[in-house]
Amino acid sequence: MVAALSACGADQPILMNISSDGTPDEFAILPTKPIEIPRDLASLPAPTPGGSNRVDPTPAADAVAALGGNAATLSRGGIPASDQALVARAARYGVSPGIRTQLAAEDLEFRRRNDGRLLERIFDVNVYFRAYRRQSLDQHRELERFRRAGVRTVGAPPAGTE
């Protein structure tokens, strides 16, 4: 009976076992920006169905602006001129157009193989960290490796204070 019930699961494995408990999400509610009246009402664009409004919340753009960046770069199409050299260097051996689909399929297969044992699935045990353990880095060992190689690690605490 347990084996029969364990087969009644989702198609895709959920490693983190995150579920909604019915509580409200306080981050889902964003306040609107204050209404602004332009100097010339004739200069306003015609409204478009499904288009954005000037007072719609833009949390990503607001965060970029708060950190000193240019929020306009989020909405521009194409590659900014400042990033052309970086993109050219990264794409020097070619670009696979279906890479996102390929990686999603490979990750789904990996998660299916590492979905946990029968009792872990029955008792809703989190197997995420065990499944991805071989792909994680030991941050302290990497920091020491960089320091031995002479790399400046200004973002890390000084040696001996860990």
N, C-alpha and C. Protein backbone atom coordinates (compact mmCIF):
# COMPACT_ATOMS: atom_id res chain seq x y z
N MET A 1 0.82 -1.18 0.00
CA MET A 1 0.00 0.00 0.00
C MET A 1 0.88 1.26 0.00
N VAL A 2 1.98 1.25 0.78
CA VAL A 2 2.88 2.39 0.82
C VAL A 2 3.50 2.61 -0.54
N ALA A 3 3.90 1.54 -1.22
CA ALA A 3 4.51 1.66 -2.54
C ALA A 3 3.51 2.23 -3.54
N ALA A 4 2.25 1.83 -3.42
CA ALA A 4 1.23 2.34 -4.33
C ALA A 4 0.99 3.82 -4.09
N LEU A 5 0.96 4.23 -2.84
CA LEU A 5 0.75 5.65 -2.54
C LEU A 5 1.94 6.51 -2.91
N SER A 6 3.14 5.96 -2.83
CA SER A 6 4.32 6.76 -3.16
C SER A 6 4.38 7.04 -4.65
N ALA A 7 3.73 6.24 -5.47
CA ALA A 7 3.70 6.48 -6.91
C ALA A 7 2.78 7.62 -7.28
N CYS A 8 1.94 8.06 -6.38
CA CYS A 8 1.00 9.15 -6.66
C CYS A 8 1.65 10.49 -6.36
N GLY A 9 2.71 10.79 -7.03
CA GLY A 9 3.43 12.04 -6.78
C GLY A 9 3.41 12.94 -8.01
N ALA A 10 4.12 14.01 -7.91
CA ALA A 10 4.21 14.95 -9.03
C ALA A 10 5.11 14.37 -10.11
N ASP A 11 4.96 14.88 -11.33
CA ASP A 11 5.79 14.41 -12.43
C ASP A 11 7.24 14.83 -12.26
N GLN A 12 7.45 16.07 -11.78
CA GLN A 12 8.79 16.58 -11.63
C GLN A 12 9.17 16.58 -10.15
N PRO A 13 10.37 16.12 -9.83
CA PRO A 13 10.78 16.11 -8.42
C PRO A 13 10.96 17.53 -7.89
N ILE A 14 10.58 17.73 -6.66
CA ILE A 14 10.74 19.03 -6.02
C ILE A 14 11.72 18.83 -4.89
N LEU A 15 12.98 19.20 -5.12
CA LEU A 15 14.02 18.90 -4.15
C LEU A 15 13.88 19.71 -2.87
N MET A 16 13.51 20.95 -2.96
CA MET A 16 13.47 21.78 -1.76
C MET A 16 12.21 21.56 -0.94
N ASN A 17 11.22 20.85 -1.46
CA ASN A 17 9.98 20.54 -0.75
C ASN A 17 9.32 21.81 -0.20
N ILE A 18 9.29 22.85 -0.99
CA ILE A 18 8.67 24.09 -0.57
C ILE A 18 7.19 24.03 -0.90
N SER A 19 6.37 24.36 0.07
CA SER A 19 4.93 24.37 -0.18
C SER A 19 4.32 25.60 0.45
N SER A 20 3.23 26.05 -0.11
CA SER A 20 2.54 27.22 0.42
C SER A 20 1.67 26.79 1.58
N ASP A 21 1.76 27.52 2.68
CA ASP A 21 0.96 27.17 3.84
C ASP A 21 -0.26 28.08 3.98
N GLY A 22 -0.55 28.86 2.96
CA GLY A 22 -1.74 29.70 2.98
C GLY A 22 -1.55 31.06 3.62
N THR A 23 -0.35 31.37 4.07
CA THR A 23 -0.12 32.69 4.66
C THR A 23 0.13 33.70 3.55
N PRO A 24 -0.22 34.97 3.77
CA PRO A 24 -0.02 35.98 2.73
C PRO A 24 1.47 36.27 2.51
N ASP A 25 1.80 36.62 1.30
CA ASP A 25 3.17 36.96 0.96
C ASP A 25 3.30 38.48 1.01
N GLU A 26 4.00 38.99 2.00
CA GLU A 26 4.10 40.44 2.16
C GLU A 26 4.92 41.09 1.06
N PHE A 27 5.73 40.31 0.34
CA PHE A 27 6.51 40.87 -0.75
C PHE A 27 5.73 40.94 -2.06
N ALA A 28 4.55 40.35 -2.11
CA ALA A 28 3.74 40.37 -3.34
C ALA A 28 3.00 41.69 -3.48
N ILE A 29 2.90 42.46 -2.42
CA ILE A 29 2.16 43.72 -2.46
C ILE A 29 3.16 44.87 -2.53
N LEU A 30 3.12 45.59 -3.64
CA LEU A 30 4.04 46.71 -3.83
C LEU A 30 3.25 48.00 -3.92
N PRO A 31 3.67 49.03 -3.22
CA PRO A 31 2.95 50.30 -3.32
C PRO A 31 3.22 50.95 -4.68
N THR A 32 2.24 51.71 -5.16
CA THR A 32 2.43 52.43 -6.42
C THR A 32 3.22 53.69 -6.16
N LYS A 33 3.80 54.21 -7.21
CA LYS A 33 4.54 55.47 -7.10
C LYS A 33 3.55 56.62 -7.06
N PRO A 34 3.95 57.77 -6.55
CA PRO A 34 3.03 58.90 -6.53
C PRO A 34 2.67 59.35 -7.95
N ILE A 35 1.45 59.80 -8.11
CA ILE A 35 0.98 60.25 -9.43
C ILE A 35 1.68 61.57 -9.77
N GLU A 36 2.13 61.65 -11.02
CA GLU A 36 2.80 62.86 -11.52
C GLU A 36 1.98 63.43 -12.66
N ILE A 37 1.80 64.71 -12.65
CA ILE A 37 1.11 65.37 -13.75
C ILE A 37 2.16 66.11 -14.56
N PRO A 38 2.32 65.75 -15.85
CA PRO A 38 3.34 66.41 -16.66
C PRO A 38 2.94 67.85 -16.98
N ARG A 39 3.94 68.65 -17.36
CA ARG A 39 3.68 70.06 -17.68
C ARG A 39 2.79 70.20 -18.91
N ASP A 40 2.97 69.30 -19.87
CA ASP A 40 2.18 69.37 -21.10
C ASP A 40 1.45 68.04 -21.26
N LEU A 41 0.12 68.05 -21.07
CA LEU A 41 -0.66 66.82 -21.18
C LEU A 41 -0.71 66.28 -22.60
N ALA A 42 -0.48 67.14 -23.60
CA ALA A 42 -0.49 66.69 -24.99
C ALA A 42 0.72 65.81 -25.30
N SER A 43 1.77 65.88 -24.48
CA SER A 43 2.98 65.10 -24.75
C SER A 43 2.86 63.66 -24.25
N LEU A 44 1.79 63.33 -23.54
CA LEU A 44 1.61 61.98 -23.05
C LEU A 44 1.35 61.01 -24.20
N PRO A 45 1.92 59.81 -24.15
CA PRO A 45 1.65 58.84 -25.22
C PRO A 45 0.23 58.29 -25.09
N ALA A 46 -0.28 57.77 -26.19
CA ALA A 46 -1.61 57.18 -26.17
C ALA A 46 -1.56 55.90 -25.34
N PRO A 47 -2.60 55.64 -24.55
CA PRO A 47 -2.59 54.41 -23.74
C PRO A 47 -2.64 53.17 -24.62
N THR A 48 -1.93 52.15 -24.19
CA THR A 48 -1.93 50.88 -24.92
C THR A 48 -2.43 49.78 -23.99
N PRO A 49 -3.34 48.94 -24.47
CA PRO A 49 -3.84 47.84 -23.63
C PRO A 49 -2.69 46.91 -23.23
N GLY A 50 -2.58 46.65 -21.95
CA GLY A 50 -1.52 45.78 -21.44
C GLY A 50 -0.18 46.47 -21.29
N GLY A 51 -0.12 47.74 -21.63
CA GLY A 51 1.13 48.49 -21.52
C GLY A 51 1.41 48.89 -20.08
N SER A 52 2.56 49.47 -19.88
CA SER A 52 2.93 49.87 -18.52
C SER A 52 2.41 51.27 -18.22
N ASN A 53 2.29 51.55 -16.95
CA ASN A 53 1.83 52.84 -16.47
C ASN A 53 3.00 53.52 -15.79
N ARG A 54 3.02 54.84 -15.78
CA ARG A 54 4.14 55.56 -15.18
C ARG A 54 4.21 55.36 -13.67
N VAL A 55 3.11 54.97 -13.03
CA VAL A 55 3.12 54.77 -11.58
C VAL A 55 3.18 53.29 -11.20
N ASP A 56 3.36 52.40 -12.18
CA ASP A 56 3.50 50.98 -11.87
C ASP A 56 4.79 50.74 -11.08
N PRO A 57 4.75 49.81 -10.12
CA PRO A 57 5.97 49.52 -9.38
C PRO A 57 7.01 48.85 -10.26
N THR A 58 8.24 49.26 -10.12
CA THR A 58 9.36 48.67 -10.85
C THR A 58 10.47 48.35 -9.85
N PRO A 59 10.31 47.27 -9.09
CA PRO A 59 11.28 46.99 -8.02
C PRO A 59 12.70 46.76 -8.53
N ALA A 60 12.86 46.11 -9.67
CA ALA A 60 14.21 45.85 -10.17
C ALA A 60 14.89 47.17 -10.56
N ALA A 61 14.18 48.03 -11.27
CA ALA A 61 14.75 49.31 -11.66
C ALA A 61 15.01 50.19 -10.45
N ASP A 62 14.13 50.15 -9.46
CA ASP A 62 14.33 50.94 -8.24
C ASP A 62 15.58 50.46 -7.49
N ALA A 63 15.80 49.15 -7.45
CA ALA A 63 16.98 48.61 -6.77
C ALA A 63 18.26 49.01 -7.50
N VAL A 64 18.23 48.96 -8.84
CA VAL A 64 19.41 49.36 -9.61
C VAL A 64 19.72 50.83 -9.37
N ALA A 65 18.69 51.68 -9.38
CA ALA A 65 18.89 53.11 -9.14
C ALA A 65 19.38 53.37 -7.72
N ALA A 66 18.86 52.64 -6.75
CA ALA A 66 19.28 52.84 -5.35
C ALA A 66 20.74 52.45 -5.15
N LEU A 67 21.23 51.49 -5.94
CA LEU A 67 22.62 51.07 -5.81
C LEU A 67 23.56 51.87 -6.70
N GLY A 68 23.05 52.91 -7.34
CA GLY A 68 23.89 53.80 -8.13
C GLY A 68 24.01 53.42 -9.59
N GLY A 69 23.22 52.49 -10.05
CA GLY A 69 23.27 52.09 -11.46
C GLY A 69 22.31 52.87 -12.31
N ASN A 70 22.28 52.55 -13.59
CA ASN A 70 21.39 53.20 -14.54
C ASN A 70 20.21 52.28 -14.79
N ALA A 71 19.04 52.63 -14.27
CA ALA A 71 17.86 51.78 -14.39
C ALA A 71 17.38 51.68 -15.84
N ALA A 72 17.75 52.62 -16.69
CA ALA A 72 17.32 52.58 -18.09
C ALA A 72 17.93 51.40 -18.83
N THR A 73 19.05 50.86 -18.33
CA THR A 73 19.68 49.74 -19.03
C THR A 73 18.86 48.47 -18.91
N LEU A 74 17.92 48.40 -17.96
CA LEU A 74 17.09 47.21 -17.83
C LEU A 74 16.07 47.09 -18.94
N SER A 75 15.60 48.20 -19.46
CA SER A 75 14.53 48.16 -20.45
C SER A 75 15.03 48.30 -21.88
N ARG A 76 16.29 48.62 -22.07
CA ARG A 76 16.81 48.76 -23.42
C ARG A 76 16.99 47.41 -24.08
N GLY A 77 16.72 47.34 -25.36
CA GLY A 77 16.95 46.10 -26.09
C GLY A 77 18.38 46.04 -26.57
N GLY A 78 18.85 44.86 -26.87
CA GLY A 78 20.20 44.72 -27.39
C GLY A 78 21.25 44.75 -26.30
N ILE A 79 22.48 44.82 -26.71
CA ILE A 79 23.62 44.81 -25.79
C ILE A 79 24.17 46.23 -25.68
N PRO A 80 24.31 46.74 -24.45
CA PRO A 80 24.89 48.09 -24.31
C PRO A 80 26.31 48.12 -24.86
N ALA A 81 26.73 49.29 -25.32
CA ALA A 81 28.07 49.43 -25.88
C ALA A 81 29.15 49.09 -24.87
N SER A 82 28.88 49.34 -23.59
CA SER A 82 29.88 49.05 -22.56
C SER A 82 30.09 47.55 -22.37
N ASP A 83 29.16 46.73 -22.83
CA ASP A 83 29.27 45.28 -22.65
C ASP A 83 29.62 44.53 -23.93
N GLN A 84 29.83 45.25 -25.03
CA GLN A 84 30.11 44.60 -26.31
C GLN A 84 31.35 43.71 -26.25
N ALA A 85 32.44 44.21 -25.64
CA ALA A 85 33.68 43.44 -25.58
C ALA A 85 33.50 42.19 -24.74
N LEU A 86 32.77 42.30 -23.64
CA LEU A 86 32.53 41.14 -22.78
C LEU A 86 31.73 40.07 -23.51
N VAL A 87 30.67 40.48 -24.22
CA VAL A 87 29.84 39.52 -24.94
C VAL A 87 30.64 38.88 -26.08
N ALA A 88 31.45 39.66 -26.77
CA ALA A 88 32.26 39.11 -27.85
C ALA A 88 33.25 38.08 -27.32
N ARG A 89 33.85 38.37 -26.18
CA ARG A 89 34.82 37.43 -25.59
C ARG A 89 34.13 36.14 -25.13
N ALA A 90 32.95 36.28 -24.52
CA ALA A 90 32.23 35.11 -24.02
C ALA A 90 31.71 34.23 -25.17
N ALA A 91 31.42 34.84 -26.32
CA ALA A 91 30.84 34.10 -27.45
C ALA A 91 31.87 33.74 -28.51
N ARG A 92 33.16 33.82 -28.18
CA ARG A 92 34.20 33.62 -29.19
C ARG A 92 34.23 32.21 -29.76
N TYR A 93 33.74 31.22 -29.04
CA TYR A 93 33.72 29.84 -29.55
C TYR A 93 32.34 29.44 -30.06
N GLY A 94 31.44 30.38 -30.19
CA GLY A 94 30.11 30.09 -30.67
C GLY A 94 29.08 30.08 -29.56
N VAL A 95 27.83 30.16 -29.95
CA VAL A 95 26.73 30.22 -29.00
C VAL A 95 25.72 29.15 -29.38
N SER A 96 25.28 28.38 -28.40
CA SER A 96 24.27 27.36 -28.65
C SER A 96 22.90 28.00 -28.44
N PRO A 97 22.06 28.08 -29.47
CA PRO A 97 20.78 28.76 -29.31
C PRO A 97 19.80 28.05 -28.38
N GLY A 98 19.91 26.75 -28.22
CA GLY A 98 18.98 26.02 -27.37
C GLY A 98 19.56 25.65 -26.01
N ILE A 99 20.52 26.43 -25.51
CA ILE A 99 21.23 26.06 -24.29
C ILE A 99 20.30 26.05 -23.08
N ARG A 100 19.36 26.97 -22.99
CA ARG A 100 18.47 27.00 -21.82
C ARG A 100 17.58 25.75 -21.78
N THR A 101 17.05 25.36 -22.91
CA THR A 101 16.22 24.16 -22.98
C THR A 101 17.04 22.92 -22.65
N GLN A 102 18.25 22.85 -23.19
CA GLN A 102 19.13 21.71 -22.93
C GLN A 102 19.48 21.62 -21.45
N LEU A 103 19.85 22.73 -20.83
CA LEU A 103 20.20 22.72 -19.40
C LEU A 103 19.00 22.38 -18.53
N ALA A 104 17.82 22.88 -18.90
CA ALA A 104 16.62 22.56 -18.12
C ALA A 104 16.32 21.06 -18.18
N ALA A 105 16.48 20.46 -19.35
CA ALA A 105 16.23 19.02 -19.49
C ALA A 105 17.27 18.20 -18.71
N GLU A 106 18.54 18.61 -18.79
CA GLU A 106 19.58 17.90 -18.06
C GLU A 106 19.38 18.03 -16.54
N ASP A 107 18.99 19.21 -16.07
CA ASP A 107 18.77 19.40 -14.63
C ASP A 107 17.56 18.60 -14.16
N LEU A 108 16.51 18.54 -14.98
CA LEU A 108 15.34 17.74 -14.62
C LEU A 108 15.72 16.27 -14.50
N GLU A 109 16.52 15.78 -15.43
CA GLU A 109 16.97 14.39 -15.36
C GLU A 109 17.83 14.16 -14.12
N PHE A 110 18.72 15.10 -13.79
CA PHE A 110 19.55 14.99 -12.59
C PHE A 110 18.69 14.95 -11.33
N ARG A 111 17.67 15.82 -11.27
CA ARG A 111 16.79 15.86 -10.10
C ARG A 111 15.95 14.58 -10.00
N ARG A 112 15.57 14.01 -11.13
CA ARG A 112 14.83 12.73 -11.09
C ARG A 112 15.70 11.61 -10.54
N ARG A 113 16.98 11.59 -10.92
CA ARG A 113 17.89 10.56 -10.42
C ARG A 113 18.20 10.76 -8.93
N ASN A 114 18.14 11.98 -8.43
CA ASN A 114 18.49 12.30 -7.04
C ASN A 114 17.28 12.74 -6.24
N ASP A 115 16.14 12.12 -6.49
CA ASP A 115 14.89 12.55 -5.85
C ASP A 115 14.74 12.05 -4.42
N GLY A 116 15.66 11.28 -3.94
CA GLY A 116 15.56 10.80 -2.56
C GLY A 116 15.04 9.39 -2.50
N ARG A 117 15.27 8.79 -1.37
CA ARG A 117 14.81 7.42 -1.15
C ARG A 117 13.32 7.42 -0.85
N LEU A 118 12.74 6.24 -0.83
CA LEU A 118 11.30 6.11 -0.64
C LEU A 118 10.82 6.79 0.64
N LEU A 119 11.47 6.51 1.76
CA LEU A 119 11.03 7.11 3.03
C LEU A 119 11.25 8.62 3.06
N GLU A 120 12.29 9.10 2.36
CA GLU A 120 12.51 10.55 2.29
C GLU A 120 11.38 11.22 1.54
N ARG A 121 10.89 10.59 0.49
CA ARG A 121 9.78 11.16 -0.27
C ARG A 121 8.49 11.08 0.54
N ILE A 122 8.28 9.98 1.24
CA ILE A 122 7.05 9.82 2.02
C ILE A 122 6.98 10.84 3.15
N PHE A 123 8.11 11.03 3.85
CA PHE A 123 8.12 11.93 5.00
C PHE A 123 8.55 13.36 4.64
N ASP A 124 8.61 13.66 3.34
CA ASP A 124 8.87 15.03 2.86
C ASP A 124 10.18 15.57 3.40
N VAL A 125 11.26 14.79 3.29
CA VAL A 125 12.58 15.18 3.77
C VAL A 125 13.28 15.97 2.67
N ASN A 126 13.96 17.04 3.04
CA ASN A 126 14.66 17.87 2.08
C ASN A 126 15.94 17.17 1.62
N VAL A 127 16.03 16.86 0.33
CA VAL A 127 17.20 16.18 -0.21
C VAL A 127 18.00 17.08 -1.14
N TYR A 128 17.67 18.36 -1.18
CA TYR A 128 18.31 19.30 -2.11
C TYR A 128 19.82 19.36 -1.91
N PHE A 129 20.25 19.62 -0.68
CA PHE A 129 21.68 19.82 -0.42
C PHE A 129 22.48 18.53 -0.62
N ARG A 130 21.90 17.40 -0.30
CA ARG A 130 22.58 16.13 -0.52
C ARG A 130 22.71 15.85 -2.02
N ALA A 131 21.68 16.19 -2.79
CA ALA A 131 21.71 15.92 -4.23
C ALA A 131 22.77 16.76 -4.94
N TYR A 132 22.94 18.02 -4.53
CA TYR A 132 23.87 18.93 -5.20
C TYR A 132 25.21 19.05 -4.45
N ARG A 133 25.48 18.18 -3.47
CA ARG A 133 26.69 18.29 -2.65
C ARG A 133 27.96 18.25 -3.50
N ARG A 134 28.04 17.36 -4.49
CA ARG A 134 29.26 17.24 -5.30
C ARG A 134 29.49 18.46 -6.19
N GLN A 135 28.48 19.30 -6.39
CA GLN A 135 28.62 20.46 -7.26
C GLN A 135 28.86 21.74 -6.47
N SER A 136 28.93 21.67 -5.15
CA SER A 136 29.12 22.88 -4.35
C SER A 136 30.59 23.08 -4.02
N LEU A 137 30.94 24.32 -3.71
CA LEU A 137 32.31 24.67 -3.36
C LEU A 137 32.43 24.86 -1.85
N ASP A 138 33.57 24.53 -1.31
CA ASP A 138 33.88 24.84 0.07
C ASP A 138 34.49 26.24 0.06
N GLN A 139 33.73 27.21 0.55
CA GLN A 139 34.15 28.60 0.42
C GLN A 139 35.46 28.89 1.17
N HIS A 140 35.67 28.28 2.31
CA HIS A 140 36.89 28.53 3.07
C HIS A 140 38.11 27.94 2.38
N ARG A 141 37.97 26.75 1.82
CA ARG A 141 39.08 26.13 1.10
C ARG A 141 39.41 26.93 -0.16
N GLU A 142 38.39 27.40 -0.87
CA GLU A 142 38.64 28.22 -2.06
C GLU A 142 39.32 29.53 -1.71
N LEU A 143 38.91 30.15 -0.59
CA LEU A 143 39.53 31.40 -0.16
C LEU A 143 41.02 31.18 0.12
N GLU A 144 41.34 30.11 0.81
CA GLU A 144 42.75 29.81 1.09
C GLU A 144 43.52 29.51 -0.19
N ARG A 145 42.88 28.84 -1.13
CA ARG A 145 43.56 28.54 -2.41
C ARG A 145 43.87 29.82 -3.17
N PHE A 146 42.93 30.77 -3.18
CA PHE A 146 43.17 32.05 -3.84
C PHE A 146 44.26 32.84 -3.14
N ARG A 147 44.27 32.83 -1.81
CA ARG A 147 45.30 33.56 -1.06
C ARG A 147 46.68 32.97 -1.32
N ARG A 148 46.79 31.64 -1.37
CA ARG A 148 48.08 31.01 -1.66
C ARG A 148 48.56 31.36 -3.07
N ALA A 149 47.62 31.56 -3.99
CA ALA A 149 47.98 31.91 -5.36
C ALA A 149 48.32 33.40 -5.50
N GLY A 150 48.13 34.18 -4.43
CA GLY A 150 48.48 35.59 -4.47
C GLY A 150 47.35 36.50 -4.93
N VAL A 151 46.14 35.98 -5.00
CA VAL A 151 44.99 36.80 -5.42
C VAL A 151 44.52 37.65 -4.25
N ARG A 152 44.32 38.94 -4.48
CA ARG A 152 43.81 39.81 -3.42
C ARG A 152 42.35 39.47 -3.17
N THR A 153 41.98 39.26 -1.94
CA THR A 153 40.61 38.92 -1.56
C THR A 153 40.08 40.02 -0.66
N VAL A 154 39.82 41.17 -1.24
CA VAL A 154 39.42 42.34 -0.45
C VAL A 154 38.03 42.19 0.14
N GLY A 155 37.17 41.37 -0.44
CA GLY A 155 35.82 41.20 0.08
C GLY A 155 35.73 40.21 1.22
N ALA A 156 36.82 39.48 1.48
CA ALA A 156 36.82 38.46 2.54
C ALA A 156 37.52 39.03 3.78
N PRO A 157 37.21 38.48 4.94
CA PRO A 157 37.91 38.94 6.14
C PRO A 157 39.40 38.67 6.04
N PRO A 158 40.22 39.43 6.75
CA PRO A 158 41.67 39.19 6.71
C PRO A 158 42.01 37.79 7.22
N ALA A 159 43.13 37.29 6.78
CA ALA A 159 43.55 35.95 7.17
C ALA A 159 43.68 35.85 8.69
N GLY A 160 43.23 34.73 9.23
CA GLY A 160 43.34 34.52 10.68
C GLY A 160 42.17 35.01 11.48
N THR A 161 41.17 35.66 10.87
CA THR A 161 40.02 36.17 11.62
C THR A 161 38.78 35.31 11.44
N GLU A 162 38.84 34.25 10.61
CA GLU A 162 37.66 33.43 10.37
C GLU A 162 37.26 32.68 11.60
